[in-house]
Amino acid sequence: MRRKLSEDVQVRRKYVKSNCVVPMLKLFSDEYVYVYFVKKNMGMGSHFIYNRKKRKGALLEEEAPFSMYPGFALADNVLFALCEPDWIERVTDRKLMSAEEIRKMEALKEDDNPVVVKYYLK
């Protein structure tokens, strides 16, 4: 049984290290489909967001247009993600934030609890 388990783990490890796309998370709402996937086992991964009503999709790869933390919930047009405070600057766009939100973001310290980030999909 141990040998069988070890063989299964090796097969999975080879699969993740290959160039295959591995979907890690899928979320659905009436209007949107969100898929978080990785290639290999490095980096933040990529995000695919599909608008069901407009029949248009968008692929967000690492650093383009900005890094995004993986979402954990999708409600209407809002994707929720849980982010470490020291990453908040990298996963948000100041141009789309109010002055109050920017002030809150700047007040965060590295040892604070994770922050819920709301991505409004359009």
C-alpha atoms as a PDB file:
ATOM      1  CA  MET A   1       0.000   0.000   0.000  1.00  0.00           C
ATOM      2  CA  ARG A   2       2.883   2.370   0.779  1.00  0.00           C
ATOM      3  CA  ARG A   3       4.501   1.618  -2.575  1.00  0.00           C
ATOM      4  CA  LYS A   4       1.229   2.296  -4.399  1.00  0.00           C
ATOM      5  CA  LEU A   5       0.795   5.586  -2.557  1.00  0.00           C
ATOM      6  CA  SER A   6       4.403   6.574  -3.316  1.00  0.00           C
ATOM      7  CA  GLU A   7       3.909   5.792  -7.022  1.00  0.00           C
ATOM      8  CA  ASP A   8       0.738   7.884  -7.107  1.00  0.00           C
ATOM      9  CA  VAL A   9       2.565  10.835  -5.527  1.00  0.00           C
ATOM     10  CA  GLN A  10       5.380  10.553  -8.082  1.00  0.00           C
ATOM     11  CA  VAL A  11       2.901  10.528 -10.983  1.00  0.00           C
ATOM     12  CA  ARG A  12       1.184  13.651  -9.614  1.00  0.00           C
ATOM     13  CA  ARG A  13       4.525  15.395  -9.069  1.00  0.00           C
ATOM     14  CA  LYS A  14       5.587  14.706 -12.683  1.00  0.00           C
ATOM     15  CA  TYR A  15       2.226  15.972 -13.925  1.00  0.00           C
ATOM     16  CA  VAL A  16       2.491  19.242 -11.994  1.00  0.00           C
ATOM     17  CA  LYS A  17       6.092  19.758 -13.136  1.00  0.00           C
ATOM     18  CA  SER A  18       5.139  19.250 -16.783  1.00  0.00           C
ATOM     19  CA  ASN A  19       3.806  22.047 -18.998  1.00  0.00           C
ATOM     20  CA  CYS A  20       0.237  20.909 -18.390  1.00  0.00           C
ATOM     21  CA  VAL A  21      -2.304  23.393 -17.108  1.00  0.00           C
ATOM     22  CA  VAL A  22      -3.690  22.328 -13.734  1.00  0.00           C
ATOM     23  CA  PRO A  23      -6.971  23.983 -12.672  1.00  0.00           C
ATOM     24  CA  MET A  24      -6.768  24.594  -8.949  1.00  0.00           C
ATOM     25  CA  LEU A  25     -10.018  26.440  -8.290  1.00  0.00           C
ATOM     26  CA  LYS A  26     -13.274  26.999 -10.174  1.00  0.00           C
ATOM     27  CA  LEU A  27     -15.992  29.414  -9.050  1.00  0.00           C
ATOM     28  CA  PHE A  28     -19.310  30.087 -10.751  1.00  0.00           C
ATOM     29  CA  SER A  29     -21.983  32.771 -10.477  1.00  0.00           C
ATOM     30  CA  ASP A  30     -24.930  33.651 -12.687  1.00  0.00           C
ATOM     31  CA  GLU A  31     -22.818  36.118 -14.628  1.00  0.00           C
ATOM     32  CA  TYR A  32     -19.188  34.964 -14.273  1.00  0.00           C
ATOM     33  CA  VAL A  33     -16.939  31.914 -14.303  1.00  0.00           C
ATOM     34  CA  TYR A  34     -13.583  32.180 -12.512  1.00  0.00           C
ATOM     35  CA  VAL A  35     -10.791  29.629 -12.902  1.00  0.00           C
ATOM     36  CA  TYR A  36      -7.454  29.782 -11.114  1.00  0.00           C
ATOM     37  CA  PHE A  37      -4.826  27.511 -12.641  1.00  0.00           C
ATOM     38  CA  VAL A  38      -1.097  26.875 -12.515  1.00  0.00           C
ATOM     39  CA  LYS A  39       1.540  25.679 -14.910  1.00  0.00           C
ATOM     40  CA  LYS A  40       4.284  23.793 -13.126  1.00  0.00           C
ATOM     41  CA  ASN A  41       4.580  24.449  -9.403  1.00  0.00           C
ATOM     42  CA  MET A  42       6.094  27.937  -9.472  1.00  0.00           C
ATOM     43  CA  GLY A  43       4.746  31.452  -9.327  1.00  0.00           C
ATOM     44  CA  MET A  44       1.339  32.841  -8.458  1.00  0.00           C
ATOM     45  CA  GLY A  45      -0.584  31.122 -11.233  1.00  0.00           C
ATOM     46  CA  SER A  46      -3.004  32.548 -13.770  1.00  0.00           C
ATOM     47  CA  HIS A  47      -6.645  33.567 -13.661  1.00  0.00           C
ATOM     48  CA  PHE A  48      -9.309  33.145 -16.318  1.00  0.00           C
ATOM     49  CA  ILE A  49     -12.491  35.177 -15.943  1.00  0.00           C
ATOM     50  CA  TYR A  50     -15.392  34.571 -18.317  1.00  0.00           C
ATOM     51  CA  ASN A  51     -18.456  36.808 -18.549  1.00  0.00           C
ATOM     52  CA  ARG A  52     -21.354  34.492 -19.397  1.00  0.00           C
ATOM     53  CA  LYS A  53     -23.723  37.250 -20.536  1.00  0.00           C
ATOM     54  CA  LYS A  54     -21.268  39.058 -22.830  1.00  0.00           C
ATOM     55  CA  ARG A  55     -19.565  35.794 -23.848  1.00  0.00           C
ATOM     56  CA  LYS A  56     -16.119  37.313 -23.340  1.00  0.00           C
ATOM     57  CA  GLY A  57     -13.192  35.993 -21.372  1.00  0.00           C
ATOM     58  CA  ALA A  58     -10.002  37.472 -19.980  1.00  0.00           C
ATOM     59  CA  LEU A  59      -6.783  35.691 -19.079  1.00  0.00           C
ATOM     60  CA  LEU A  60      -4.704  37.354 -16.375  1.00  0.00           C
ATOM     61  CA  GLU A  61      -1.227  35.923 -16.231  1.00  0.00           C
ATOM     62  CA  GLU A  62       1.346  36.824 -13.619  1.00  0.00           C
ATOM     63  CA  GLU A  63       2.203  40.533 -13.517  1.00  0.00           C
ATOM     64  CA  ALA A  64      -0.158  41.377 -16.396  1.00  0.00           C
ATOM     65  CA  PRO A  65      -1.742  43.845 -15.833  1.00  0.00           C
ATOM     66  CA  PHE A  66      -1.028  43.170 -12.152  1.00  0.00           C
ATOM     67  CA  SER A  67      -0.611  40.156  -9.895  1.00  0.00           C
ATOM     68  CA  MET A  68      -3.777  38.762  -8.385  1.00  0.00           C
ATOM     69  CA  TYR A  69      -4.270  36.552  -5.356  1.00  0.00           C
ATOM     70  CA  PRO A  70      -6.434  33.477  -5.984  1.00  0.00           C
ATOM     71  CA  GLY A  71     -10.098  34.093  -5.237  1.00  0.00           C
ATOM     72  CA  PHE A  72     -12.059  32.125  -2.650  1.00  0.00           C
ATOM     73  CA  ALA A  73     -15.621  33.313  -3.363  1.00  0.00           C
ATOM     74  CA  LEU A  74     -17.577  34.845  -6.217  1.00  0.00           C
ATOM     75  CA  ALA A  75     -20.769  36.823  -5.573  1.00  0.00           C
ATOM     76  CA  ASP A  76     -22.480  38.693  -8.410  1.00  0.00           C
ATOM     77  CA  ASN A  77     -19.617  40.653  -9.994  1.00  0.00           C
ATOM     78  CA  VAL A  78     -17.275  40.603  -6.967  1.00  0.00           C
ATOM     79  CA  LEU A  79     -14.393  38.159  -6.612  1.00  0.00           C
ATOM     80  CA  PHE A  80     -13.091  37.878  -3.051  1.00  0.00           C
ATOM     81  CA  ALA A  81      -9.449  37.017  -2.337  1.00  0.00           C
ATOM     82  CA  LEU A  82      -7.536  36.625   0.917  1.00  0.00           C
ATOM     83  CA  CYS A  83      -4.196  38.449   0.782  1.00  0.00           C
ATOM     84  CA  GLU A  84      -1.214  38.785   3.082  1.00  0.00           C
ATOM     85  CA  PRO A  85      -0.608  42.437   4.116  1.00  0.00           C
ATOM     86  CA  ASP A  86       2.900  42.552   2.642  1.00  0.00           C
ATOM     87  CA  TRP A  87       1.484  41.577  -0.797  1.00  0.00           C
ATOM     88  CA  ILE A  88      -1.403  44.061  -0.855  1.00  0.00           C
ATOM     89  CA  GLU A  89       0.576  46.647  -2.862  1.00  0.00           C
ATOM     90  CA  ARG A  90       1.296  44.070  -5.577  1.00  0.00           C
ATOM     91  CA  VAL A  91      -2.252  42.762  -5.986  1.00  0.00           C
ATOM     92  CA  THR A  92      -4.158  46.061  -6.109  1.00  0.00           C
ATOM     93  CA  ASP A  93      -4.234  49.026  -8.473  1.00  0.00           C
ATOM     94  CA  ARG A  94      -4.161  52.426  -6.728  1.00  0.00           C
ATOM     95  CA  LYS A  95      -5.803  54.122  -9.721  1.00  0.00           C
ATOM     96  CA  LEU A  96      -8.989  52.183  -8.999  1.00  0.00           C
ATOM     97  CA  MET A  97      -9.063  52.851  -5.240  1.00  0.00           C
ATOM     98  CA  SER A  98     -10.538  55.676  -3.194  1.00  0.00           C
ATOM     99  CA  ALA A  99      -8.339  57.844  -0.964  1.00  0.00           C
ATOM    100  CA  GLU A 100      -9.762  56.136   2.143  1.00  0.00           C
ATOM    101  CA  GLU A 101      -8.940  52.664   0.804  1.00  0.00           C
ATOM    102  CA  ILE A 102      -5.379  53.759  -0.027  1.00  0.00           C
ATOM    103  CA  ARG A 103      -4.964  55.165   3.487  1.00  0.00           C
ATOM    104  CA  LYS A 104      -6.139  51.862   5.012  1.00  0.00           C
ATOM    105  CA  MET A 105      -3.771  49.941   2.762  1.00  0.00           C
ATOM    106  CA  GLU A 106      -0.798  52.089   3.746  1.00  0.00           C
ATOM    107  CA  ALA A 107      -1.603  51.628   7.457  1.00  0.00           C
ATOM    108  CA  LEU A 108      -1.233  47.836   7.212  1.00  0.00           C
ATOM    109  CA  LYS A 109       1.758  46.253   8.886  1.00  0.00           C
ATOM    110  CA  GLU A 110       3.515  43.081   7.786  1.00  0.00           C
ATOM    111  CA  ASP A 111       2.397  41.117  10.865  1.00  0.00           C
ATOM    112  CA  ASP A 112      -1.319  42.053  10.528  1.00  0.00           C
ATOM    113  CA  ASN A 113      -3.949  39.433   9.740  1.00  0.00           C
ATOM    114  CA  PRO A 114      -4.697  38.616   6.088  1.00  0.00           C
ATOM    115  CA  VAL A 115      -6.865  41.141   4.272  1.00  0.00           C
ATOM    116  CA  VAL A 116      -9.942  40.430   2.150  1.00  0.00           C
ATOM    117  CA  VAL A 117      -9.512  42.023  -1.272  1.00  0.00           C
ATOM    118  CA  LYS A 118     -12.541  42.642  -3.483  1.00  0.00           C
ATOM    119  CA  TYR A 119     -12.010  42.539  -7.228  1.00  0.00           C
ATOM    120  CA  TYR A 120     -14.982  44.073  -9.061  1.00  0.00           C
ATOM    121  CA  LEU A 121     -15.384  42.284 -12.384  1.00  0.00           C
ATOM    122  CA  LYS A 122     -16.668  44.092 -15.462  1.00  0.00           C
END
